[in-house]
Amino acid sequence: MAVAVVQRIRLSYSKYWYAYAMIAPVVIVLGVLVGYPLVRGIYLTLTNATSLNVGRQIGVNHIPDSFDFVGLDNYADVLWGPTAYDRFWSHFIWTVAWTAICVVLHYSIGLGLALLLNRKMRGRGLYRLVLILPWAVPTFVTVFSWRLMLADGGAVNGLLSFLHLPEPAWLSDPLAQKAAAILVNTWVGVPFMMISLLGGLQSIPQELYEAAEMDGATAWQRFRHVTLPGLRTVSSTVVLLGVIWTFNQFAVIFLLFGSGAPDAQILVTWAYRLGFGQQPSDYAQSATYGILLLSILIVFTTFYRRWLARNEKANG
């Protein structure tokens, strides 16, 4: 059996050596930038590594690693430890809620804008340019701008005061912090959905709408039976990407609140806080959060793809 596998590999290499040579640089780069950190992270989850017991270089002196192998203790502590709810499950619940709310807002607002921009109107090119700017501007510029506008006495509360509405403490009140994070992330994420869905709308044959209109279909019926099925492939892709990106959206939360706002921290920013935002840094716990995040997304993606395949089969 082993001999047959070796012979098959040799035959494949002799036949496709040029293709292997072309992809080798990519494989090496991915191995260095993704493979090694992943393996190292998994290894750290099985230890009690902190900033006090990891190897480091001080001048000409090298201090070796002194942490111990603890097996699955970190996973048990994170998931079922005495303070597991405060350290993991509360952030997990908020991360899931944050992801669901943001992706729903991204998709619904993006679809609405895409439907508007898909219609013939004067200045449509200018509207597209303006609406894509929040995505084109670097994220840190956008978030810092929103941070200034959401501060006490900022533009947002100034507008609310003018309208005689309550003025939340966006950057200090726990509930308002979560609302502010959703607001900023929606602003950042809608343009991508809009552009992607607009491309999907333009790929739907116009003849389908004309045929439906001749059959007496209303605008809602055309949207339900022509537009949504025509966007099924694009929608499934952008929703999956939106879930992955939002679940791991480090920049918005971190740049908006820094290491503060513990109630608004999602899992990825909480993992960063454990590994780099406290002393001593808990590398083992931070790596454990990272592996759990990866596992959650792998499970979600697997079930999501199976659900899509089942629906495609049922609709086909």
C-alpha atoms as a PDB file:
ATOM      1  CA  MET A   1       0.000   0.000   0.000  1.00  0.00           C
ATOM      2  CA  ALA A   2       2.736   2.456   1.004  1.00  0.00           C
ATOM      3  CA  VAL A   3       4.776   1.544  -2.084  1.00  0.00           C
ATOM      4  CA  ALA A   4       1.780   2.240  -4.336  1.00  0.00           C
ATOM      5  CA  VAL A   5       1.266   5.660  -2.722  1.00  0.00           C
ATOM      6  CA  VAL A   6       4.948   6.555  -3.166  1.00  0.00           C
ATOM      7  CA  GLN A   7       4.872   5.485  -6.808  1.00  0.00           C
ATOM      8  CA  ARG A   8       1.722   7.526  -7.395  1.00  0.00           C
ATOM      9  CA  ILE A   9       3.367  10.603  -5.867  1.00  0.00           C
ATOM     10  CA  ARG A  10       6.476  10.139  -7.999  1.00  0.00           C
ATOM     11  CA  LEU A  11       4.378   9.760 -11.148  1.00  0.00           C
ATOM     12  CA  SER A  12       2.366  12.851 -10.301  1.00  0.00           C
ATOM     13  CA  TYR A  13       5.536  14.847  -9.597  1.00  0.00           C
ATOM     14  CA  SER A  14       7.230  13.780 -12.841  1.00  0.00           C
ATOM     15  CA  LYS A  15       4.123  14.751 -14.804  1.00  0.00           C
ATOM     16  CA  TYR A  16       3.177  17.971 -13.018  1.00  0.00           C
ATOM     17  CA  TRP A  17       6.530  19.168 -11.656  1.00  0.00           C
ATOM     18  CA  TYR A  18       6.078  22.593 -13.254  1.00  0.00           C
ATOM     19  CA  ALA A  19       2.770  23.154 -11.447  1.00  0.00           C
ATOM     20  CA  TYR A  20       4.341  22.089  -8.140  1.00  0.00           C
ATOM     21  CA  ALA A  21       7.218  24.513  -8.760  1.00  0.00           C
ATOM     22  CA  MET A  22       4.744  27.342  -9.387  1.00  0.00           C
ATOM     23  CA  ILE A  23       2.723  26.781  -6.209  1.00  0.00           C
ATOM     24  CA  ALA A  24       5.742  26.026  -4.009  1.00  0.00           C
ATOM     25  CA  PRO A  25       6.364  29.713  -3.074  1.00  0.00           C
ATOM     26  CA  VAL A  26       2.727  30.129  -2.042  1.00  0.00           C
ATOM     27  CA  VAL A  27       2.817  26.939   0.023  1.00  0.00           C
ATOM     28  CA  ILE A  28       6.032  28.056   1.746  1.00  0.00           C
ATOM     29  CA  VAL A  29       4.672  31.528   2.518  1.00  0.00           C
ATOM     30  CA  LEU A  30       1.399  30.095   3.857  1.00  0.00           C
ATOM     31  CA  GLY A  31       3.336  27.584   5.919  1.00  0.00           C
ATOM     32  CA  VAL A  32       5.440  30.335   7.488  1.00  0.00           C
ATOM     33  CA  LEU A  33       2.648  32.893   7.985  1.00  0.00           C
ATOM     34  CA  VAL A  34      -0.258  30.552   8.775  1.00  0.00           C
ATOM     35  CA  GLY A  35       0.916  26.998   9.415  1.00  0.00           C
ATOM     36  CA  TYR A  36       3.654  27.672  11.963  1.00  0.00           C
ATOM     37  CA  PRO A  37       1.642  30.211  14.060  1.00  0.00           C
ATOM     38  CA  LEU A  38      -1.311  27.817  14.079  1.00  0.00           C
ATOM     39  CA  VAL A  39       0.788  24.866  15.251  1.00  0.00           C
ATOM     40  CA  ARG A  40       2.555  27.060  17.809  1.00  0.00           C
ATOM     41  CA  GLY A  41      -0.800  28.353  19.051  1.00  0.00           C
ATOM     42  CA  ILE A  42      -2.198  24.851  19.470  1.00  0.00           C
ATOM     43  CA  TYR A  43       0.937  23.897  21.397  1.00  0.00           C
ATOM     44  CA  LEU A  44       0.607  26.922  23.718  1.00  0.00           C
ATOM     45  CA  THR A  45      -2.978  25.950  24.570  1.00  0.00           C
ATOM     46  CA  LEU A  46      -1.582  22.774  26.119  1.00  0.00           C
ATOM     47  CA  THR A  47       0.763  24.693  28.442  1.00  0.00           C
ATOM     48  CA  ASN A  48       0.578  27.346  31.142  1.00  0.00           C
ATOM     49  CA  ALA A  49       2.700  29.832  29.181  1.00  0.00           C
ATOM     50  CA  THR A  50       2.696  33.452  30.335  1.00  0.00           C
ATOM     51  CA  SER A  51       4.983  36.422  29.801  1.00  0.00           C
ATOM     52  CA  LEU A  52       6.813  35.372  32.987  1.00  0.00           C
ATOM     53  CA  ASN A  53       7.822  31.869  31.937  1.00  0.00           C
ATOM     54  CA  VAL A  54       8.359  31.974  28.166  1.00  0.00           C
ATOM     55  CA  GLY A  55      11.854  32.057  26.749  1.00  0.00           C
ATOM     56  CA  ARG A  56      13.273  35.520  26.042  1.00  0.00           C
ATOM     57  CA  GLN A  57      16.514  37.268  25.240  1.00  0.00           C
ATOM     58  CA  ILE A  58      17.880  39.833  27.699  1.00  0.00           C
ATOM     59  CA  GLY A  59      21.039  41.329  26.301  1.00  0.00           C
ATOM     60  CA  VAL A  60      23.408  38.474  25.559  1.00  0.00           C
ATOM     61  CA  ASN A  61      21.624  36.178  27.994  1.00  0.00           C
ATOM     62  CA  HIS A  62      18.955  33.779  26.788  1.00  0.00           C
ATOM     63  CA  ILE A  63      16.335  32.647  29.299  1.00  0.00           C
ATOM     64  CA  PRO A  64      14.751  29.334  28.179  1.00  0.00           C
ATOM     65  CA  ASP A  65      11.090  28.379  28.427  1.00  0.00           C
ATOM     66  CA  SER A  66      10.027  27.329  31.911  1.00  0.00           C
ATOM     67  CA  PHE A  67       6.298  26.726  31.401  1.00  0.00           C
ATOM     68  CA  ASP A  68       4.738  23.304  31.959  1.00  0.00           C
ATOM     69  CA  PHE A  69       2.592  21.013  29.851  1.00  0.00           C
ATOM     70  CA  VAL A  70      -0.944  20.985  31.294  1.00  0.00           C
ATOM     71  CA  GLY A  71      -2.899  19.120  28.606  1.00  0.00           C
ATOM     72  CA  LEU A  72      -6.486  20.255  28.115  1.00  0.00           C
ATOM     73  CA  ASP A  73      -6.686  22.178  31.389  1.00  0.00           C
ATOM     74  CA  ASN A  74      -6.918  25.541  29.588  1.00  0.00           C
ATOM     75  CA  TYR A  75      -9.920  24.430  27.556  1.00  0.00           C
ATOM     76  CA  ALA A  76     -11.636  23.076  30.650  1.00  0.00           C
ATOM     77  CA  ASP A  77     -10.923  26.288  32.552  1.00  0.00           C
ATOM     78  CA  VAL A  78     -12.186  28.529  29.759  1.00  0.00           C
ATOM     79  CA  LEU A  79     -15.334  26.514  29.087  1.00  0.00           C
ATOM     80  CA  TRP A  80     -16.250  25.147  32.520  1.00  0.00           C
ATOM     81  CA  GLY A  81     -14.069  26.940  35.061  1.00  0.00           C
ATOM     82  CA  PRO A  82     -15.447  28.836  38.093  1.00  0.00           C
ATOM     83  CA  THR A  83     -15.567  32.149  36.178  1.00  0.00           C
ATOM     84  CA  ALA A  84     -16.222  30.673  32.725  1.00  0.00           C
ATOM     85  CA  TYR A  85     -19.393  32.712  32.176  1.00  0.00           C
ATOM     86  CA  ASP A  86     -17.754  36.062  32.895  1.00  0.00           C
ATOM     87  CA  ARG A  87     -14.588  35.246  30.930  1.00  0.00           C
ATOM     88  CA  PHE A  88     -15.957  33.293  27.963  1.00  0.00           C
ATOM     89  CA  TRP A  89     -19.674  32.627  27.698  1.00  0.00           C
ATOM     90  CA  SER A  90     -20.836  36.222  28.217  1.00  0.00           C
ATOM     91  CA  HIS A  91     -18.442  37.353  25.475  1.00  0.00           C
ATOM     92  CA  PHE A  92     -19.489  34.423  23.286  1.00  0.00           C
ATOM     93  CA  ILE A  93     -23.186  35.363  23.588  1.00  0.00           C
ATOM     94  CA  TRP A  94     -22.419  39.002  22.798  1.00  0.00           C
ATOM     95  CA  THR A  95     -20.185  37.979  19.866  1.00  0.00           C
ATOM     96  CA  VAL A  96     -22.956  35.840  18.352  1.00  0.00           C
ATOM     97  CA  ALA A  97     -25.531  38.616  18.875  1.00  0.00           C
ATOM     98  CA  TRP A  98     -23.135  41.239  17.473  1.00  0.00           C
ATOM     99  CA  THR A  99     -22.434  39.083  14.421  1.00  0.00           C
ATOM    100  CA  ALA A 100     -26.093  38.296  13.725  1.00  0.00           C
ATOM    101  CA  ILE A 101     -27.274  41.907  14.127  1.00  0.00           C
ATOM    102  CA  CYS A 102     -24.444  43.359  12.047  1.00  0.00           C
ATOM    103  CA  VAL A 103     -24.772  40.847   9.197  1.00  0.00           C
ATOM    104  CA  VAL A 104     -28.559  41.321   9.046  1.00  0.00           C
ATOM    105  CA  LEU A 105     -28.093  45.100   8.916  1.00  0.00           C
ATOM    106  CA  HIS A 106     -25.278  44.799   6.364  1.00  0.00           C
ATOM    107  CA  TYR A 107     -27.358  42.604   4.088  1.00  0.00           C
ATOM    108  CA  SER A 108     -30.710  44.378   4.390  1.00  0.00           C
ATOM    109  CA  ILE A 109     -29.321  47.908   4.010  1.00  0.00           C
ATOM    110  CA  GLY A 110     -26.875  46.785   1.315  1.00  0.00           C
ATOM    111  CA  LEU A 111     -29.678  45.080  -0.636  1.00  0.00           C
ATOM    112  CA  GLY A 112     -31.904  48.144  -0.340  1.00  0.00           C
ATOM    113  CA  LEU A 113     -29.172  50.448  -1.630  1.00  0.00           C
ATOM    114  CA  ALA A 114     -28.258  47.993  -4.389  1.00  0.00           C
ATOM    115  CA  LEU A 115     -31.891  47.902  -5.563  1.00  0.00           C
ATOM    116  CA  LEU A 116     -31.951  51.701  -5.667  1.00  0.00           C
ATOM    117  CA  LEU A 117     -28.650  51.966  -7.549  1.00  0.00           C
ATOM    118  CA  ASN A 118     -29.746  49.285 -10.010  1.00  0.00           C
ATOM    119  CA  ARG A 119     -32.516  51.573 -11.245  1.00  0.00           C
ATOM    120  CA  LYS A 120     -31.968  54.150 -13.945  1.00  0.00           C
ATOM    121  CA  MET A 121     -31.570  57.532 -12.289  1.00  0.00           C
ATOM    122  CA  ARG A 122     -29.680  60.737 -12.835  1.00  0.00           C
ATOM    123  CA  GLY A 123     -26.310  60.861 -11.064  1.00  0.00           C
ATOM    124  CA  ARG A 124     -26.227  57.123 -10.366  1.00  0.00           C
ATOM    125  CA  GLY A 125     -22.431  57.002 -10.770  1.00  0.00           C
ATOM    126  CA  LEU A 126     -21.997  59.773  -8.192  1.00  0.00           C
ATOM    127  CA  TYR A 127     -24.268  57.983  -5.713  1.00  0.00           C
ATOM    128  CA  ARG A 128     -22.255  54.780  -6.130  1.00  0.00           C
ATOM    129  CA  LEU A 129     -19.015  56.676  -5.469  1.00  0.00           C
ATOM    130  CA  VAL A 130     -20.380  58.337  -2.342  1.00  0.00           C
ATOM    131  CA  LEU A 131     -21.850  55.122  -0.931  1.00  0.00           C
ATOM    132  CA  ILE A 132     -18.651  53.130  -1.438  1.00  0.00           C
ATOM    133  CA  LEU A 133     -16.461  55.699   0.365  1.00  0.00           C
ATOM    134  CA  PRO A 134     -16.943  54.180   3.867  1.00  0.00           C
ATOM    135  CA  TRP A 135     -15.418  50.950   2.527  1.00  0.00           C
ATOM    136  CA  ALA A 136     -12.633  52.698   0.621  1.00  0.00           C
ATOM    137  CA  VAL A 137     -11.491  54.827   3.566  1.00  0.00           C
ATOM    138  CA  PRO A 138      -9.058  52.970   5.893  1.00  0.00           C
ATOM    139  CA  THR A 139     -10.864  51.418   8.843  1.00  0.00           C
ATOM    140  CA  PHE A 140      -8.816  53.210  11.502  1.00  0.00           C
ATOM    141  CA  VAL A 141      -9.689  56.604   9.953  1.00  0.00           C
ATOM    142  CA  THR A 142     -13.380  55.727   9.900  1.00  0.00           C
ATOM    143  CA  VAL A 143     -13.433  54.414  13.473  1.00  0.00           C
ATOM    144  CA  PHE A 144     -11.477  57.360  14.891  1.00  0.00           C
ATOM    145  CA  SER A 145     -13.841  59.757  13.111  1.00  0.00           C
ATOM    146  CA  TRP A 146     -16.840  57.994  14.614  1.00  0.00           C
ATOM    147  CA  ARG A 147     -15.160  58.008  18.016  1.00  0.00           C
ATOM    148  CA  LEU A 148     -14.922  61.795  17.854  1.00  0.00           C
ATOM    149  CA  MET A 149     -18.533  62.103  16.703  1.00  0.00           C
ATOM    150  CA  LEU A 150     -19.797  59.741  19.445  1.00  0.00           C
ATOM    151  CA  ALA A 151     -17.889  61.441  22.252  1.00  0.00           C
ATOM    152  CA  ASP A 152     -19.738  63.604  24.765  1.00  0.00           C
ATOM    153  CA  GLY A 153     -20.401  66.881  23.002  1.00  0.00           C
ATOM    154  CA  GLY A 154     -19.713  65.268  19.615  1.00  0.00           C
ATOM    155  CA  ALA A 155     -21.717  65.606  16.425  1.00  0.00           C
ATOM    156  CA  VAL A 156     -24.065  62.687  17.163  1.00  0.00           C
ATOM    157  CA  ASN A 157     -25.164  63.916  20.570  1.00  0.00           C
ATOM    158  CA  GLY A 158     -25.293  67.468  19.201  1.00  0.00           C
ATOM    159  CA  LEU A 159     -27.809  66.296  16.602  1.00  0.00           C
ATOM    160  CA  LEU A 160     -29.788  64.351  19.224  1.00  0.00           C
ATOM    161  CA  SER A 161     -29.834  67.454  21.445  1.00  0.00           C
ATOM    162  CA  PHE A 162     -31.111  69.559  18.547  1.00  0.00           C
ATOM    163  CA  LEU A 163     -33.915  67.036  18.034  1.00  0.00           C
ATOM    164  CA  HIS A 164     -34.646  67.014  21.807  1.00  0.00           C
ATOM    165  CA  LEU A 165     -33.800  63.312  22.066  1.00  0.00           C
ATOM    166  CA  PRO A 166     -31.823  61.513  24.815  1.00  0.00           C
ATOM    167  CA  GLU A 167     -28.040  61.760  24.537  1.00  0.00           C
ATOM    168  CA  PRO A 168     -26.465  58.382  25.426  1.00  0.00           C
ATOM    169  CA  ALA A 169     -22.939  58.093  26.766  1.00  0.00           C
ATOM    170  CA  TRP A 170     -21.819  56.153  23.699  1.00  0.00           C
ATOM    171  CA  LEU A 171     -18.289  55.467  24.897  1.00  0.00           C
ATOM    172  CA  SER A 172     -18.934  54.778  28.596  1.00  0.00           C
ATOM    173  CA  ASP A 173     -22.407  53.285  29.126  1.00  0.00           C
ATOM    174  CA  PRO A 174     -22.306  49.473  28.573  1.00  0.00           C
ATOM    175  CA  LEU A 175     -25.512  49.283  26.521  1.00  0.00           C
ATOM    176  CA  ALA A 176     -24.687  52.392  24.515  1.00  0.00           C
ATOM    177  CA  GLN A 177     -21.197  51.006  23.816  1.00  0.00           C
ATOM    178  CA  LYS A 178     -22.715  47.945  22.166  1.00  0.00           C
ATOM    179  CA  ALA A 179     -25.066  50.115  20.120  1.00  0.00           C
ATOM    180  CA  ALA A 180     -22.142  52.316  19.080  1.00  0.00           C
ATOM    181  CA  ALA A 181     -20.097  49.285  18.004  1.00  0.00           C
ATOM    182  CA  ILE A 182     -22.986  47.975  15.884  1.00  0.00           C
ATOM    183  CA  LEU A 183     -23.524  51.434  14.367  1.00  0.00           C
ATOM    184  CA  VAL A 184     -19.880  51.872  13.364  1.00  0.00           C
ATOM    185  CA  ASN A 185     -19.501  48.330  12.050  1.00  0.00           C
ATOM    186  CA  THR A 186     -22.687  48.702  10.001  1.00  0.00           C
ATOM    187  CA  TRP A 187     -21.290  51.880   8.457  1.00  0.00           C
ATOM    188  CA  VAL A 188     -18.069  50.055   7.587  1.00  0.00           C
ATOM    189  CA  GLY A 189     -19.640  46.855   6.266  1.00  0.00           C
ATOM    190  CA  VAL A 190     -22.653  47.994   4.212  1.00  0.00           C
ATOM    191  CA  PRO A 191     -20.697  49.170   1.104  1.00  0.00           C
ATOM    192  CA  PHE A 192     -19.199  45.713   0.523  1.00  0.00           C
ATOM    193  CA  MET A 193     -22.637  44.106   0.658  1.00  0.00           C
ATOM    194  CA  MET A 194     -24.071  46.822  -1.565  1.00  0.00           C
ATOM    195  CA  ILE A 195     -21.435  46.426  -4.294  1.00  0.00           C
ATOM    196  CA  SER A 196     -21.569  42.620  -4.197  1.00  0.00           C
ATOM    197  CA  LEU A 197     -25.365  42.512  -4.385  1.00  0.00           C
ATOM    198  CA  LEU A 198     -25.433  45.197  -7.071  1.00  0.00           C
ATOM    199  CA  GLY A 199     -23.208  42.980  -9.206  1.00  0.00           C
ATOM    200  CA  GLY A 200     -25.583  40.084  -8.569  1.00  0.00           C
ATOM    201  CA  LEU A 201     -28.608  42.195  -9.553  1.00  0.00           C
ATOM    202  CA  GLN A 202     -26.989  43.220 -12.821  1.00  0.00           C
ATOM    203  CA  SER A 203     -26.384  39.574 -13.698  1.00  0.00           C
ATOM    204  CA  ILE A 204     -30.110  38.707 -13.518  1.00  0.00           C
ATOM    205  CA  PRO A 205     -31.561  38.642 -17.081  1.00  0.00           C
ATOM    206  CA  GLN A 206     -33.998  41.501 -17.641  1.00  0.00           C
ATOM    207  CA  GLU A 207     -36.206  39.138 -19.634  1.00  0.00           C
ATOM    208  CA  LEU A 208     -37.231  37.409 -16.398  1.00  0.00           C
ATOM    209  CA  TYR A 209     -38.655  40.646 -15.020  1.00  0.00           C
ATOM    210  CA  GLU A 210     -40.431  41.402 -18.297  1.00  0.00           C
ATOM    211  CA  ALA A 211     -41.966  37.944 -18.388  1.00  0.00           C
ATOM    212  CA  ALA A 212     -43.097  38.202 -14.770  1.00  0.00           C
ATOM    213  CA  GLU A 213     -44.592  41.632 -15.401  1.00  0.00           C
ATOM    214  CA  MET A 214     -46.476  40.336 -18.437  1.00  0.00           C
ATOM    215  CA  ASP A 215     -47.880  37.560 -16.234  1.00  0.00           C
ATOM    216  CA  GLY A 216     -49.254  40.217 -13.903  1.00  0.00           C
ATOM    217  CA  ALA A 217     -46.746  39.809 -11.071  1.00  0.00           C
ATOM    218  CA  THR A 218     -46.623  42.671  -8.591  1.00  0.00           C
ATOM    219  CA  ALA A 219     -43.374  44.392  -7.563  1.00  0.00           C
ATOM    220  CA  TRP A 220     -43.212  42.273  -4.397  1.00  0.00           C
ATOM    221  CA  GLN A 221     -43.822  39.053  -6.363  1.00  0.00           C
ATOM    222  CA  ARG A 222     -41.068  39.976  -8.839  1.00  0.00           C
ATOM    223  CA  PHE A 223     -38.719  40.661  -5.942  1.00  0.00           C
ATOM    224  CA  ARG A 224     -39.598  37.410  -4.181  1.00  0.00           C
ATOM    225  CA  HIS A 225     -39.662  35.051  -7.171  1.00  0.00           C
ATOM    226  CA  VAL A 226     -37.082  36.659  -9.495  1.00  0.00           C
ATOM    227  CA  THR A 227     -34.701  38.897  -7.551  1.00  0.00           C
ATOM    228  CA  LEU A 228     -34.092  36.781  -4.454  1.00  0.00           C
ATOM    229  CA  PRO A 229     -33.589  33.482  -6.360  1.00  0.00           C
ATOM    230  CA  GLY A 230     -31.280  35.305  -8.773  1.00  0.00           C
ATOM    231  CA  LEU A 231     -29.203  36.566  -5.849  1.00  0.00           C
ATOM    232  CA  ARG A 232     -29.048  33.197  -4.082  1.00  0.00           C
ATOM    233  CA  THR A 233     -25.456  32.376  -5.057  1.00  0.00           C
ATOM    234  CA  VAL A 234     -24.108  35.859  -4.352  1.00  0.00           C
ATOM    235  CA  SER A 235     -26.078  36.140  -1.113  1.00  0.00           C
ATOM    236  CA  SER A 236     -24.830  32.830   0.267  1.00  0.00           C
ATOM    237  CA  THR A 237     -21.219  33.879  -0.390  1.00  0.00           C
ATOM    238  CA  VAL A 238     -21.400  37.410   1.008  1.00  0.00           C
ATOM    239  CA  VAL A 239     -23.332  36.295   4.088  1.00  0.00           C
ATOM    240  CA  LEU A 240     -20.708  33.642   4.854  1.00  0.00           C
ATOM    241  CA  LEU A 241     -17.898  36.167   4.382  1.00  0.00           C
ATOM    242  CA  GLY A 242     -19.820  38.706   6.446  1.00  0.00           C
ATOM    243  CA  VAL A 243     -20.230  36.263   9.335  1.00  0.00           C
ATOM    244  CA  ILE A 244     -16.530  35.338   9.322  1.00  0.00           C
ATOM    245  CA  TRP A 245     -15.345  38.948   9.066  1.00  0.00           C
ATOM    246  CA  THR A 246     -17.775  40.264  11.684  1.00  0.00           C
ATOM    247  CA  PHE A 247     -17.112  37.426  14.115  1.00  0.00           C
ATOM    248  CA  ASN A 248     -13.411  38.335  13.921  1.00  0.00           C
ATOM    249  CA  GLN A 249     -13.880  42.113  13.601  1.00  0.00           C
ATOM    250  CA  PHE A 250     -11.006  43.213  15.794  1.00  0.00           C
ATOM    251  CA  ALA A 251     -10.373  46.700  14.408  1.00  0.00           C
ATOM    252  CA  VAL A 252     -13.752  48.334  15.103  1.00  0.00           C
ATOM    253  CA  ILE A 253     -14.032  47.222  18.736  1.00  0.00           C
ATOM    254  CA  PHE A 254     -10.381  47.809  19.607  1.00  0.00           C
ATOM    255  CA  LEU A 255     -10.056  51.210  17.929  1.00  0.00           C
ATOM    256  CA  LEU A 256     -13.386  52.399  19.320  1.00  0.00           C
ATOM    257  CA  PHE A 257     -12.886  51.338  22.947  1.00  0.00           C
ATOM    258  CA  GLY A 258      -9.285  50.170  23.348  1.00  0.00           C
ATOM    259  CA  SER A 259      -8.856  47.833  26.299  1.00  0.00           C
ATOM    260  CA  GLY A 260     -11.844  49.357  28.093  1.00  0.00           C
ATOM    261  CA  ALA A 261     -15.538  48.568  27.665  1.00  0.00           C
ATOM    262  CA  PRO A 262     -15.347  44.965  28.960  1.00  0.00           C
ATOM    263  CA  ASP A 263     -19.030  44.339  28.184  1.00  0.00           C
ATOM    264  CA  ALA A 264     -18.572  45.326  24.532  1.00  0.00           C
ATOM    265  CA  GLN A 265     -15.500  43.150  23.938  1.00  0.00           C
ATOM    266  CA  ILE A 266     -16.033  40.275  21.515  1.00  0.00           C
ATOM    267  CA  LEU A 267     -14.064  37.042  21.736  1.00  0.00           C
ATOM    268  CA  VAL A 268     -11.239  38.109  19.429  1.00  0.00           C
ATOM    269  CA  THR A 269     -10.583  41.383  21.283  1.00  0.00           C
ATOM    270  CA  TRP A 270     -10.873  39.592  24.625  1.00  0.00           C
ATOM    271  CA  ALA A 271      -8.263  37.096  23.455  1.00  0.00           C
ATOM    272  CA  TYR A 272      -5.980  39.993  22.495  1.00  0.00           C
ATOM    273  CA  ARG A 273      -6.530  41.558  25.905  1.00  0.00           C
ATOM    274  CA  LEU A 274      -5.485  38.346  27.645  1.00  0.00           C
ATOM    275  CA  GLY A 275      -2.366  37.981  25.537  1.00  0.00           C
ATOM    276  CA  PHE A 276      -1.190  41.572  25.188  1.00  0.00           C
ATOM    277  CA  GLY A 277      -3.397  43.919  27.208  1.00  0.00           C
ATOM    278  CA  GLN A 278      -2.564  42.824  30.748  1.00  0.00           C
ATOM    279  CA  GLN A 279       0.394  41.973  32.922  1.00  0.00           C
ATOM    280  CA  PRO A 280       1.418  39.263  33.130  1.00  0.00           C
ATOM    281  CA  SER A 281       0.244  38.296  29.669  1.00  0.00           C
ATOM    282  CA  ASP A 282      -1.503  34.934  29.589  1.00  0.00           C
ATOM    283  CA  TYR A 283      -0.361  33.467  26.282  1.00  0.00           C
ATOM    284  CA  ALA A 284      -1.865  30.040  26.946  1.00  0.00           C
ATOM    285  CA  GLN A 285      -5.365  31.370  27.641  1.00  0.00           C
ATOM    286  CA  SER A 286      -5.164  33.795  24.712  1.00  0.00           C
ATOM    287  CA  ALA A 287      -4.130  30.982  22.359  1.00  0.00           C
ATOM    288  CA  THR A 288      -6.970  28.846  23.729  1.00  0.00           C
ATOM    289  CA  TYR A 289      -9.463  31.544  22.823  1.00  0.00           C
ATOM    290  CA  GLY A 290      -7.949  31.701  19.343  1.00  0.00           C
ATOM    291  CA  ILE A 291      -8.283  27.955  18.758  1.00  0.00           C
ATOM    292  CA  LEU A 292     -11.851  28.010  20.092  1.00  0.00           C
ATOM    293  CA  LEU A 293     -12.664  30.852  17.702  1.00  0.00           C
ATOM    294  CA  LEU A 294     -11.234  28.881  14.804  1.00  0.00           C
ATOM    295  CA  SER A 295     -13.184  25.777  15.831  1.00  0.00           C
ATOM    296  CA  ILE A 296     -16.466  27.718  16.089  1.00  0.00           C
ATOM    297  CA  LEU A 297     -16.034  29.185  12.609  1.00  0.00           C
ATOM    298  CA  ILE A 298     -15.087  25.814  11.102  1.00  0.00           C
ATOM    299  CA  VAL A 299     -18.208  24.198  12.599  1.00  0.00           C
ATOM    300  CA  PHE A 300     -20.419  27.077  11.446  1.00  0.00           C
ATOM    301  CA  THR A 301     -18.979  27.046   7.920  1.00  0.00           C
ATOM    302  CA  THR A 302     -19.432  23.281   7.646  1.00  0.00           C
ATOM    303  CA  PHE A 303     -23.090  23.375   8.687  1.00  0.00           C
ATOM    304  CA  TYR A 304     -23.745  26.481   6.592  1.00  0.00           C
ATOM    305  CA  ARG A 305     -22.361  24.849   3.438  1.00  0.00           C
ATOM    306  CA  ARG A 306     -24.375  21.682   4.081  1.00  0.00           C
ATOM    307  CA  TRP A 307     -27.527  23.757   4.613  1.00  0.00           C
ATOM    308  CA  LEU A 308     -26.900  25.607   1.340  1.00  0.00           C
ATOM    309  CA  ALA A 309     -26.277  22.342  -0.529  1.00  0.00           C
ATOM    310  CA  ARG A 310     -29.497  20.874   0.895  1.00  0.00           C
ATOM    311  CA  ASN A 311     -31.475  23.953  -0.167  1.00  0.00           C
ATOM    312  CA  GLU A 312     -29.903  23.952  -3.621  1.00  0.00           C
ATOM    313  CA  LYS A 313     -30.862  20.299  -4.028  1.00  0.00           C
ATOM    314  CA  ALA A 314     -34.403  20.959  -2.826  1.00  0.00           C
ATOM    315  CA  ASN A 315     -34.836  23.982  -5.127  1.00  0.00           C
ATOM    316  CA  GLY A 316     -33.157  22.250  -8.049  1.00  0.00           C
END
